[in-house]
Amino acid sequence: AEGLPYDLISMGYPGPVAHNRPFADPANLGKGWAGYDFAAAFGKPVKVINDALMQAIGSYEGGRMLFLGLGTGLGAAMIVDNVAQPMELAHLPYRKGGSFEDYVGERGLEKRGKRKWRKSVFDVVDRLRAALQPDYVVIGGGNVDKLDEMPADSRRGDNTRAFEGGFRLWRDKALIV
């Protein structure tokens, strides 16, 4: 960002965030993220939220929305009447001692193949829809394009909506994060 003009920063972090800071280092990005003071480092106001929540906020169209991000792992967020909540669902138990992430994350796709992976995605969406009762489900993330069809009452998310989510963090006064 050196040399580029900016006034505010929105950061989507691939892991849990508390009090505007990552509280655990991500497995795939190295150490030093947890507790880091980005506002002090940049000298500008910074809002740090979970990356799945960032895309969810950018995809939100009102009501009760469940967002699932299919990527390296499984990102999840729920927004209900403008109240946004990141959710760490990836490591909940699923099948045969595995977690949701083991079946619908990148490892599940590589290990089980596209056909079985897609079947698991549909099943996980159905289970989470039954438990959380969203009005609609948005499925995004880097692997959403590997789905030929979408589960019922869901739509394909666009990863560029994370940028809109970053803007909404600052300008949407009705949004509670």
N, C-alpha and C. Protein backbone atom coordinates (compact mmCIF):
# COMPACT_ATOMS: atom_id res chain seq x y z
N ALA A 1 0.82 -1.20 0.00
CA ALA A 1 0.00 0.00 0.00
C ALA A 1 0.86 1.26 0.00
N GLU A 2 2.16 1.07 0.16
CA GLU A 2 3.04 2.24 0.21
C GLU A 2 2.94 3.05 -1.08
N GLY A 3 2.74 4.34 -0.93
CA GLY A 3 2.63 5.23 -2.08
C GLY A 3 1.23 5.36 -2.64
N LEU A 4 0.30 4.52 -2.22
CA LEU A 4 -1.08 4.60 -2.69
C LEU A 4 -1.91 5.40 -1.69
N PRO A 5 -2.75 6.31 -2.16
CA PRO A 5 -3.57 7.10 -1.23
C PRO A 5 -4.76 6.27 -0.72
N TYR A 6 -5.00 6.32 0.58
CA TYR A 6 -6.17 5.66 1.16
C TYR A 6 -6.47 6.32 2.50
N ASP A 7 -7.74 6.25 2.89
CA ASP A 7 -8.18 6.85 4.15
C ASP A 7 -8.61 5.81 5.17
N LEU A 8 -9.15 4.69 4.67
CA LEU A 8 -9.70 3.64 5.52
C LEU A 8 -9.27 2.29 4.96
N ILE A 9 -9.26 1.27 5.82
CA ILE A 9 -8.89 -0.07 5.38
C ILE A 9 -9.93 -1.06 5.87
N SER A 10 -10.38 -1.93 4.98
CA SER A 10 -11.21 -3.08 5.33
C SER A 10 -10.39 -4.32 5.02
N MET A 11 -10.30 -5.22 5.97
CA MET A 11 -9.48 -6.41 5.78
C MET A 11 -10.30 -7.66 6.07
N GLY A 12 -10.37 -8.57 5.09
CA GLY A 12 -11.00 -9.86 5.27
C GLY A 12 -9.93 -10.88 5.63
N TYR A 13 -10.00 -11.42 6.83
CA TYR A 13 -8.98 -12.31 7.37
C TYR A 13 -9.45 -13.76 7.35
N PRO A 14 -8.62 -14.70 6.88
CA PRO A 14 -9.03 -16.10 6.77
C PRO A 14 -8.93 -16.86 8.09
N GLY A 15 -9.71 -16.45 9.06
CA GLY A 15 -9.72 -17.10 10.36
C GLY A 15 -10.58 -16.30 11.32
N PRO A 16 -10.61 -16.73 12.58
CA PRO A 16 -11.44 -16.03 13.56
C PRO A 16 -10.87 -14.67 13.93
N VAL A 17 -11.79 -13.72 14.14
CA VAL A 17 -11.44 -12.34 14.48
C VAL A 17 -12.25 -11.95 15.72
N ALA A 18 -11.59 -11.27 16.66
CA ALA A 18 -12.28 -10.75 17.84
C ALA A 18 -11.76 -9.35 18.11
N HIS A 19 -12.65 -8.42 18.39
CA HIS A 19 -12.28 -7.04 18.73
C HIS A 19 -11.39 -6.43 17.66
N ASN A 20 -11.75 -6.67 16.40
CA ASN A 20 -11.09 -6.04 15.26
C ASN A 20 -9.65 -6.55 15.03
N ARG A 21 -9.33 -7.73 15.58
CA ARG A 21 -8.00 -8.31 15.39
C ARG A 21 -8.11 -9.82 15.23
N PRO A 22 -7.27 -10.41 14.38
CA PRO A 22 -7.22 -11.87 14.32
C PRO A 22 -6.83 -12.42 15.69
N PHE A 23 -7.53 -13.49 16.14
CA PHE A 23 -7.12 -14.03 17.43
C PHE A 23 -6.43 -15.37 17.31
N ALA A 24 -6.25 -15.86 16.10
CA ALA A 24 -5.47 -17.07 15.87
C ALA A 24 -4.78 -16.94 14.52
N ASP A 25 -3.55 -17.42 14.44
CA ASP A 25 -2.83 -17.41 13.16
C ASP A 25 -3.44 -18.45 12.23
N PRO A 26 -3.61 -18.11 10.95
CA PRO A 26 -4.13 -19.10 10.00
C PRO A 26 -3.07 -20.16 9.70
N ALA A 27 -3.52 -21.38 9.49
CA ALA A 27 -2.59 -22.49 9.26
C ALA A 27 -1.76 -22.29 7.99
N ASN A 28 -2.30 -21.60 7.01
CA ASN A 28 -1.63 -21.51 5.71
C ASN A 28 -0.93 -20.18 5.43
N LEU A 29 -0.86 -19.26 6.40
CA LEU A 29 -0.24 -17.96 6.13
C LEU A 29 0.92 -17.62 7.05
N GLY A 30 1.32 -18.49 7.93
CA GLY A 30 2.43 -18.20 8.82
C GLY A 30 1.99 -17.51 10.09
N LYS A 31 2.96 -17.20 10.92
CA LYS A 31 2.68 -16.66 12.25
C LYS A 31 2.80 -15.13 12.28
N GLY A 32 2.24 -14.54 13.33
CA GLY A 32 2.36 -13.10 13.55
C GLY A 32 1.09 -12.31 13.31
N TRP A 33 0.02 -12.98 12.90
CA TRP A 33 -1.24 -12.29 12.63
C TRP A 33 -2.04 -12.04 13.89
N ALA A 34 -2.07 -13.03 14.78
CA ALA A 34 -2.91 -12.95 15.98
C ALA A 34 -2.52 -11.75 16.83
N GLY A 35 -3.49 -10.90 17.12
CA GLY A 35 -3.29 -9.76 17.97
C GLY A 35 -2.56 -8.58 17.34
N TYR A 36 -2.19 -8.70 16.08
CA TYR A 36 -1.44 -7.63 15.41
C TYR A 36 -2.30 -6.37 15.30
N ASP A 37 -1.72 -5.23 15.56
CA ASP A 37 -2.45 -3.96 15.52
C ASP A 37 -2.28 -3.32 14.14
N PHE A 38 -3.19 -3.63 13.23
CA PHE A 38 -3.11 -3.13 11.86
C PHE A 38 -3.31 -1.62 11.80
N ALA A 39 -4.18 -1.07 12.64
CA ALA A 39 -4.42 0.37 12.64
C ALA A 39 -3.14 1.12 12.99
N ALA A 40 -2.41 0.64 13.97
CA ALA A 40 -1.14 1.28 14.34
C ALA A 40 -0.12 1.14 13.21
N ALA A 41 -0.09 -0.02 12.58
CA ALA A 41 0.88 -0.26 11.51
C ALA A 41 0.61 0.63 10.29
N PHE A 42 -0.65 0.80 9.94
CA PHE A 42 -1.00 1.60 8.76
C PHE A 42 -1.18 3.08 9.09
N GLY A 43 -1.43 3.39 10.35
CA GLY A 43 -1.69 4.77 10.71
C GLY A 43 -3.02 5.27 10.18
N LYS A 44 -3.95 4.37 9.93
CA LYS A 44 -5.28 4.69 9.40
C LYS A 44 -6.31 3.82 10.12
N PRO A 45 -7.58 4.21 10.11
CA PRO A 45 -8.62 3.35 10.67
C PRO A 45 -8.73 2.04 9.88
N VAL A 46 -8.81 0.93 10.61
CA VAL A 46 -8.88 -0.39 10.00
C VAL A 46 -10.03 -1.17 10.63
N LYS A 47 -10.80 -1.86 9.79
CA LYS A 47 -11.80 -2.81 10.27
C LYS A 47 -11.38 -4.18 9.75
N VAL A 48 -11.16 -5.11 10.68
CA VAL A 48 -10.76 -6.47 10.34
C VAL A 48 -11.92 -7.39 10.69
N ILE A 49 -12.37 -8.16 9.69
CA ILE A 49 -13.41 -9.16 9.92
C ILE A 49 -13.01 -10.44 9.20
N ASN A 50 -13.69 -11.50 9.50
CA ASN A 50 -13.47 -12.77 8.82
C ASN A 50 -13.73 -12.62 7.32
N ASP A 51 -12.91 -13.28 6.49
CA ASP A 51 -13.04 -13.11 5.04
C ASP A 51 -14.37 -13.61 4.49
N ALA A 52 -14.91 -14.70 5.05
CA ALA A 52 -16.22 -15.17 4.60
C ALA A 52 -17.30 -14.13 4.93
N LEU A 53 -17.18 -13.51 6.09
CA LEU A 53 -18.14 -12.47 6.47
C LEU A 53 -18.04 -11.27 5.54
N MET A 54 -16.83 -10.95 5.09
CA MET A 54 -16.65 -9.83 4.15
C MET A 54 -17.45 -10.08 2.87
N GLN A 55 -17.32 -11.30 2.30
CA GLN A 55 -18.06 -11.61 1.08
C GLN A 55 -19.55 -11.71 1.37
N ALA A 56 -19.90 -12.21 2.54
CA ALA A 56 -21.32 -12.30 2.91
C ALA A 56 -21.95 -10.91 2.96
N ILE A 57 -21.29 -9.97 3.58
CA ILE A 57 -21.82 -8.60 3.68
C ILE A 57 -22.01 -8.01 2.28
N GLY A 58 -21.07 -8.27 1.39
CA GLY A 58 -21.19 -7.77 0.02
C GLY A 58 -22.28 -8.45 -0.77
N SER A 59 -22.69 -9.64 -0.35
CA SER A 59 -23.72 -10.42 -1.05
C SER A 59 -25.12 -10.24 -0.46
N TYR A 60 -25.20 -9.61 0.69
CA TYR A 60 -26.44 -9.54 1.46
C TYR A 60 -27.50 -8.68 0.78
N GLU A 61 -28.73 -9.22 0.71
CA GLU A 61 -29.86 -8.51 0.11
C GLU A 61 -31.05 -8.43 1.06
N GLY A 62 -30.80 -8.51 2.35
CA GLY A 62 -31.87 -8.40 3.34
C GLY A 62 -32.32 -9.75 3.87
N GLY A 63 -33.10 -9.71 4.95
CA GLY A 63 -33.65 -10.93 5.53
C GLY A 63 -32.60 -11.76 6.25
N ARG A 64 -32.78 -13.09 6.14
CA ARG A 64 -31.90 -14.06 6.80
C ARG A 64 -31.07 -14.77 5.75
N MET A 65 -29.79 -14.46 5.68
CA MET A 65 -28.92 -15.06 4.66
C MET A 65 -27.83 -15.88 5.32
N LEU A 66 -27.65 -17.09 4.83
CA LEU A 66 -26.51 -17.94 5.19
C LEU A 66 -25.52 -17.88 4.05
N PHE A 67 -24.27 -17.58 4.36
CA PHE A 67 -23.20 -17.58 3.36
C PHE A 67 -22.25 -18.72 3.66
N LEU A 68 -21.92 -19.49 2.63
CA LEU A 68 -20.92 -20.55 2.74
C LEU A 68 -19.85 -20.32 1.69
N GLY A 69 -18.60 -20.31 2.11
CA GLY A 69 -17.48 -20.12 1.20
C GLY A 69 -16.71 -21.41 1.01
N LEU A 70 -16.76 -21.94 -0.20
CA LEU A 70 -16.05 -23.18 -0.52
C LEU A 70 -14.67 -22.84 -1.05
N GLY A 71 -13.66 -23.13 -0.29
CA GLY A 71 -12.29 -22.82 -0.71
C GLY A 71 -11.33 -23.81 -0.11
N THR A 72 -10.22 -23.32 0.40
CA THR A 72 -9.26 -24.18 1.08
C THR A 72 -9.98 -24.93 2.19
N GLY A 73 -10.84 -24.23 2.89
CA GLY A 73 -11.66 -24.81 3.94
C GLY A 73 -13.12 -24.49 3.66
N LEU A 74 -13.87 -24.26 4.72
CA LEU A 74 -15.28 -23.87 4.62
C LEU A 74 -15.47 -22.61 5.45
N GLY A 75 -15.72 -21.50 4.78
CA GLY A 75 -16.04 -20.27 5.48
C GLY A 75 -17.54 -20.16 5.64
N ALA A 76 -17.98 -19.53 6.72
CA ALA A 76 -19.42 -19.41 6.94
C ALA A 76 -19.75 -18.13 7.69
N ALA A 77 -20.89 -17.57 7.35
CA ALA A 77 -21.40 -16.38 8.03
C ALA A 77 -22.91 -16.35 7.88
N MET A 78 -23.56 -15.70 8.82
CA MET A 78 -25.01 -15.53 8.76
C MET A 78 -25.30 -14.06 9.03
N ILE A 79 -26.21 -13.52 8.24
CA ILE A 79 -26.67 -12.15 8.47
C ILE A 79 -28.19 -12.21 8.60
N VAL A 80 -28.68 -11.69 9.71
CA VAL A 80 -30.12 -11.68 9.98
C VAL A 80 -30.53 -10.24 10.26
N ASP A 81 -31.36 -9.69 9.38
CA ASP A 81 -31.86 -8.33 9.55
C ASP A 81 -30.74 -7.34 9.87
N ASN A 82 -29.69 -7.37 9.06
CA ASN A 82 -28.53 -6.47 9.14
C ASN A 82 -27.59 -6.73 10.31
N VAL A 83 -27.78 -7.81 11.04
CA VAL A 83 -26.85 -8.20 12.10
C VAL A 83 -25.99 -9.33 11.55
N ALA A 84 -24.69 -9.06 11.39
CA ALA A 84 -23.77 -9.99 10.75
C ALA A 84 -23.00 -10.79 11.79
N GLN A 85 -22.91 -12.10 11.56
CA GLN A 85 -22.22 -12.97 12.50
C GLN A 85 -21.34 -13.97 11.75
N PRO A 86 -20.01 -13.89 11.92
CA PRO A 86 -19.17 -14.94 11.35
C PRO A 86 -19.42 -16.23 12.12
N MET A 87 -19.28 -17.35 11.45
CA MET A 87 -19.53 -18.63 12.10
C MET A 87 -18.40 -19.59 11.77
N GLU A 88 -17.86 -20.24 12.79
CA GLU A 88 -16.81 -21.23 12.59
C GLU A 88 -17.46 -22.62 12.56
N LEU A 89 -18.03 -22.96 11.41
CA LEU A 89 -18.73 -24.24 11.25
C LEU A 89 -17.84 -25.33 10.66
N ALA A 90 -16.71 -24.95 10.11
CA ALA A 90 -15.88 -25.87 9.33
C ALA A 90 -15.48 -27.13 10.09
N HIS A 91 -15.22 -27.00 11.38
CA HIS A 91 -14.69 -28.13 12.13
C HIS A 91 -15.75 -28.87 12.96
N LEU A 92 -17.02 -28.56 12.71
CA LEU A 92 -18.07 -29.34 13.36
C LEU A 92 -18.05 -30.76 12.82
N PRO A 93 -18.37 -31.75 13.67
CA PRO A 93 -18.36 -33.14 13.21
C PRO A 93 -19.38 -33.38 12.10
N TYR A 94 -18.97 -34.19 11.14
CA TYR A 94 -19.86 -34.47 10.01
C TYR A 94 -20.04 -35.98 9.84
N ARG A 95 -19.11 -36.64 9.19
CA ARG A 95 -19.25 -38.07 8.93
C ARG A 95 -17.95 -38.81 9.22
N LYS A 96 -18.08 -40.02 9.70
CA LYS A 96 -16.94 -40.93 9.88
C LYS A 96 -15.76 -40.26 10.57
N GLY A 97 -16.05 -39.47 11.60
CA GLY A 97 -15.00 -38.79 12.35
C GLY A 97 -14.45 -37.56 11.67
N GLY A 98 -14.97 -37.23 10.50
CA GLY A 98 -14.52 -36.05 9.76
C GLY A 98 -15.38 -34.83 10.07
N SER A 99 -14.94 -33.70 9.57
CA SER A 99 -15.66 -32.44 9.77
C SER A 99 -16.29 -31.99 8.45
N PHE A 100 -17.12 -30.96 8.53
CA PHE A 100 -17.66 -30.38 7.29
C PHE A 100 -16.53 -30.03 6.34
N GLU A 101 -15.48 -29.39 6.87
CA GLU A 101 -14.37 -28.96 6.03
C GLU A 101 -13.66 -30.14 5.36
N ASP A 102 -13.55 -31.26 6.06
CA ASP A 102 -12.91 -32.45 5.48
C ASP A 102 -13.64 -32.92 4.23
N TYR A 103 -14.93 -32.67 4.16
CA TYR A 103 -15.73 -33.15 3.04
C TYR A 103 -15.96 -32.10 1.96
N VAL A 104 -16.11 -30.82 2.34
CA VAL A 104 -16.44 -29.81 1.33
C VAL A 104 -15.32 -28.79 1.10
N GLY A 105 -14.23 -28.89 1.84
CA GLY A 105 -13.07 -28.04 1.60
C GLY A 105 -12.22 -28.63 0.47
N GLU A 106 -11.12 -27.98 0.20
CA GLU A 106 -10.22 -28.40 -0.89
C GLU A 106 -9.74 -29.84 -0.70
N ARG A 107 -9.41 -30.21 0.54
CA ARG A 107 -8.95 -31.59 0.80
C ARG A 107 -10.02 -32.61 0.41
N GLY A 108 -11.26 -32.31 0.73
CA GLY A 108 -12.35 -33.23 0.39
C GLY A 108 -12.51 -33.37 -1.11
N LEU A 109 -12.37 -32.28 -1.83
CA LEU A 109 -12.47 -32.30 -3.29
C LEU A 109 -11.34 -33.15 -3.88
N GLU A 110 -10.12 -32.93 -3.41
CA GLU A 110 -8.97 -33.67 -3.94
C GLU A 110 -9.03 -35.15 -3.57
N LYS A 111 -9.43 -35.44 -2.36
CA LYS A 111 -9.43 -36.82 -1.86
C LYS A 111 -10.59 -37.65 -2.40
N ARG A 112 -11.76 -37.04 -2.52
CA ARG A 112 -12.97 -37.79 -2.85
C ARG A 112 -13.43 -37.62 -4.29
N GLY A 113 -12.92 -36.63 -5.00
CA GLY A 113 -13.34 -36.39 -6.38
C GLY A 113 -14.55 -35.48 -6.45
N LYS A 114 -14.77 -34.92 -7.65
CA LYS A 114 -15.84 -33.91 -7.83
C LYS A 114 -17.23 -34.44 -7.54
N ARG A 115 -17.54 -35.63 -8.01
CA ARG A 115 -18.91 -36.14 -7.86
C ARG A 115 -19.27 -36.28 -6.38
N LYS A 116 -18.42 -36.94 -5.60
CA LYS A 116 -18.70 -37.13 -4.18
C LYS A 116 -18.63 -35.79 -3.43
N TRP A 117 -17.70 -34.93 -3.83
CA TRP A 117 -17.59 -33.61 -3.21
C TRP A 117 -18.88 -32.82 -3.41
N ARG A 118 -19.39 -32.80 -4.64
CA ARG A 118 -20.64 -32.08 -4.92
C ARG A 118 -21.79 -32.63 -4.08
N LYS A 119 -21.87 -33.94 -3.97
CA LYS A 119 -22.93 -34.56 -3.16
C LYS A 119 -22.81 -34.10 -1.71
N SER A 120 -21.59 -34.03 -1.20
CA SER A 120 -21.38 -33.57 0.17
C SER A 120 -21.76 -32.10 0.33
N VAL A 121 -21.44 -31.27 -0.66
CA VAL A 121 -21.81 -29.85 -0.61
C VAL A 121 -23.33 -29.73 -0.48
N PHE A 122 -24.06 -30.45 -1.32
CA PHE A 122 -25.53 -30.39 -1.27
C PHE A 122 -26.04 -30.84 0.10
N ASP A 123 -25.45 -31.91 0.65
CA ASP A 123 -25.88 -32.42 1.94
C ASP A 123 -25.59 -31.42 3.06
N VAL A 124 -24.40 -30.84 3.05
CA VAL A 124 -24.05 -29.86 4.09
C VAL A 124 -24.96 -28.64 4.00
N VAL A 125 -25.24 -28.16 2.80
CA VAL A 125 -26.15 -27.02 2.64
C VAL A 125 -27.53 -27.39 3.20
N ASP A 126 -28.03 -28.58 2.89
CA ASP A 126 -29.34 -29.00 3.40
C ASP A 126 -29.35 -29.05 4.93
N ARG A 127 -28.31 -29.60 5.52
CA ARG A 127 -28.25 -29.71 6.99
C ARG A 127 -28.20 -28.32 7.64
N LEU A 128 -27.37 -27.44 7.10
CA LEU A 128 -27.25 -26.11 7.68
C LEU A 128 -28.52 -25.29 7.46
N ARG A 129 -29.16 -25.48 6.32
CA ARG A 129 -30.43 -24.79 6.07
C ARG A 129 -31.47 -25.24 7.09
N ALA A 130 -31.54 -26.54 7.36
CA ALA A 130 -32.51 -27.06 8.33
C ALA A 130 -32.23 -26.53 9.74
N ALA A 131 -30.97 -26.41 10.10
CA ALA A 131 -30.61 -25.97 11.44
C ALA A 131 -30.76 -24.46 11.63
N LEU A 132 -30.40 -23.68 10.61
CA LEU A 132 -30.31 -22.22 10.76
C LEU A 132 -31.48 -21.45 10.16
N GLN A 133 -32.28 -22.09 9.33
CA GLN A 133 -33.50 -21.51 8.77
C GLN A 133 -33.29 -20.18 8.04
N PRO A 134 -32.32 -20.10 7.12
CA PRO A 134 -32.16 -18.86 6.35
C PRO A 134 -33.26 -18.71 5.31
N ASP A 135 -33.49 -17.47 4.87
CA ASP A 135 -34.39 -17.23 3.74
C ASP A 135 -33.73 -17.66 2.44
N TYR A 136 -32.42 -17.52 2.38
CA TYR A 136 -31.66 -17.91 1.19
C TYR A 136 -30.22 -18.20 1.58
N VAL A 137 -29.55 -18.95 0.72
CA VAL A 137 -28.15 -19.33 0.92
C VAL A 137 -27.35 -18.81 -0.26
N VAL A 138 -26.22 -18.18 0.04
CA VAL A 138 -25.28 -17.76 -0.99
C VAL A 138 -24.03 -18.62 -0.83
N ILE A 139 -23.61 -19.25 -1.92
CA ILE A 139 -22.42 -20.10 -1.89
C ILE A 139 -21.35 -19.43 -2.74
N GLY A 140 -20.25 -19.09 -2.09
CA GLY A 140 -19.14 -18.43 -2.78
C GLY A 140 -17.84 -19.17 -2.54
N GLY A 141 -16.75 -18.45 -2.63
CA GLY A 141 -15.44 -19.04 -2.44
C GLY A 141 -14.84 -19.52 -3.74
N GLY A 142 -13.59 -19.88 -3.68
CA GLY A 142 -12.83 -20.25 -4.88
C GLY A 142 -13.30 -21.50 -5.59
N ASN A 143 -14.03 -22.38 -4.89
CA ASN A 143 -14.46 -23.63 -5.52
C ASN A 143 -15.92 -23.66 -5.93
N VAL A 144 -16.64 -22.56 -5.76
CA VAL A 144 -18.05 -22.55 -6.13
C VAL A 144 -18.24 -22.85 -7.61
N ASP A 145 -17.28 -22.47 -8.43
CA ASP A 145 -17.40 -22.72 -9.87
C ASP A 145 -17.29 -24.19 -10.24
N LYS A 146 -16.94 -25.02 -9.28
CA LYS A 146 -16.88 -26.47 -9.53
C LYS A 146 -18.26 -27.12 -9.34
N LEU A 147 -19.25 -26.32 -8.96
CA LEU A 147 -20.62 -26.82 -8.86
C LEU A 147 -21.34 -26.54 -10.18
N ASP A 148 -21.78 -27.59 -10.85
CA ASP A 148 -22.54 -27.42 -12.09
C ASP A 148 -23.94 -26.90 -11.81
N GLU A 149 -24.51 -27.36 -10.72
CA GLU A 149 -25.84 -26.94 -10.27
C GLU A 149 -25.70 -26.40 -8.86
N MET A 150 -26.70 -25.63 -8.46
CA MET A 150 -26.71 -25.09 -7.10
C MET A 150 -27.79 -25.81 -6.29
N PRO A 151 -27.56 -25.98 -4.98
CA PRO A 151 -28.61 -26.54 -4.14
C PRO A 151 -29.87 -25.67 -4.18
N ALA A 152 -31.00 -26.26 -3.85
CA ALA A 152 -32.28 -25.54 -3.87
C ALA A 152 -32.21 -24.30 -2.98
N ASP A 153 -32.88 -23.25 -3.40
CA ASP A 153 -32.96 -22.00 -2.64
C ASP A 153 -31.59 -21.40 -2.31
N SER A 154 -30.65 -21.60 -3.22
CA SER A 154 -29.34 -20.99 -3.04
C SER A 154 -28.90 -20.36 -4.35
N ARG A 155 -27.94 -19.46 -4.24
CA ARG A 155 -27.40 -18.85 -5.45
C ARG A 155 -25.89 -18.80 -5.37
N ARG A 156 -25.29 -18.73 -6.53
CA ARG A 156 -23.84 -18.66 -6.65
C ARG A 156 -23.37 -17.27 -6.23
N GLY A 157 -22.40 -17.23 -5.34
CA GLY A 157 -21.80 -15.97 -4.93
C GLY A 157 -20.68 -15.58 -5.87
N ASP A 158 -20.39 -14.31 -5.90
CA ASP A 158 -19.31 -13.76 -6.72
C ASP A 158 -18.23 -13.26 -5.77
N ASN A 159 -17.02 -13.79 -5.90
CA ASN A 159 -15.95 -13.42 -4.97
C ASN A 159 -15.66 -11.93 -4.95
N THR A 160 -15.96 -11.23 -6.04
CA THR A 160 -15.71 -9.79 -6.05
C THR A 160 -16.66 -9.04 -5.10
N ARG A 161 -17.70 -9.71 -4.62
CA ARG A 161 -18.61 -9.08 -3.66
C ARG A 161 -17.91 -8.79 -2.33
N ALA A 162 -16.75 -9.41 -2.11
CA ALA A 162 -15.98 -9.09 -0.90
C ALA A 162 -15.57 -7.62 -0.91
N PHE A 163 -15.28 -7.07 -2.09
CA PHE A 163 -14.94 -5.64 -2.17
C PHE A 163 -16.12 -4.78 -1.72
N GLU A 164 -17.32 -5.14 -2.18
CA GLU A 164 -18.52 -4.42 -1.76
C GLU A 164 -18.71 -4.56 -0.25
N GLY A 165 -18.43 -5.74 0.28
CA GLY A 165 -18.51 -5.94 1.72
C GLY A 165 -17.58 -5.00 2.47
N GLY A 166 -16.38 -4.82 1.95
CA GLY A 166 -15.43 -3.90 2.57
C GLY A 166 -15.93 -2.46 2.57
N PHE A 167 -16.57 -2.05 1.48
CA PHE A 167 -17.15 -0.70 1.43
C PHE A 167 -18.31 -0.57 2.41
N ARG A 168 -19.17 -1.59 2.44
CA ARG A 168 -20.35 -1.54 3.32
C ARG A 168 -19.96 -1.47 4.80
N LEU A 169 -18.83 -2.04 5.17
CA LEU A 169 -18.39 -1.97 6.57
C LEU A 169 -18.33 -0.53 7.06
N TRP A 170 -17.96 0.37 6.19
CA TRP A 170 -17.78 1.77 6.57
C TRP A 170 -19.01 2.63 6.30
N ARG A 171 -19.77 2.31 5.26
CA ARG A 171 -20.84 3.24 4.88
C ARG A 171 -22.25 2.80 5.24
N ASP A 172 -22.46 1.51 5.55
CA ASP A 172 -23.80 1.03 5.87
C ASP A 172 -24.03 1.12 7.37
N LYS A 173 -24.64 2.20 7.80
CA LYS A 173 -24.84 2.47 9.24
C LYS A 173 -25.83 1.51 9.88
N ALA A 174 -26.68 0.85 9.08
CA ALA A 174 -27.65 -0.10 9.63
C ALA A 174 -27.01 -1.46 9.91
N LEU A 175 -25.84 -1.71 9.36
CA LEU A 175 -25.16 -3.00 9.51
C LEU A 175 -24.50 -3.09 10.88
N ILE A 176 -24.77 -4.17 11.58
CA ILE A 176 -24.16 -4.42 12.88
C ILE A 176 -23.23 -5.62 12.73
N VAL A 177 -21.94 -5.38 12.97
CA VAL A 177 -20.94 -6.45 12.82
C VAL A 177 -20.34 -6.75 14.17
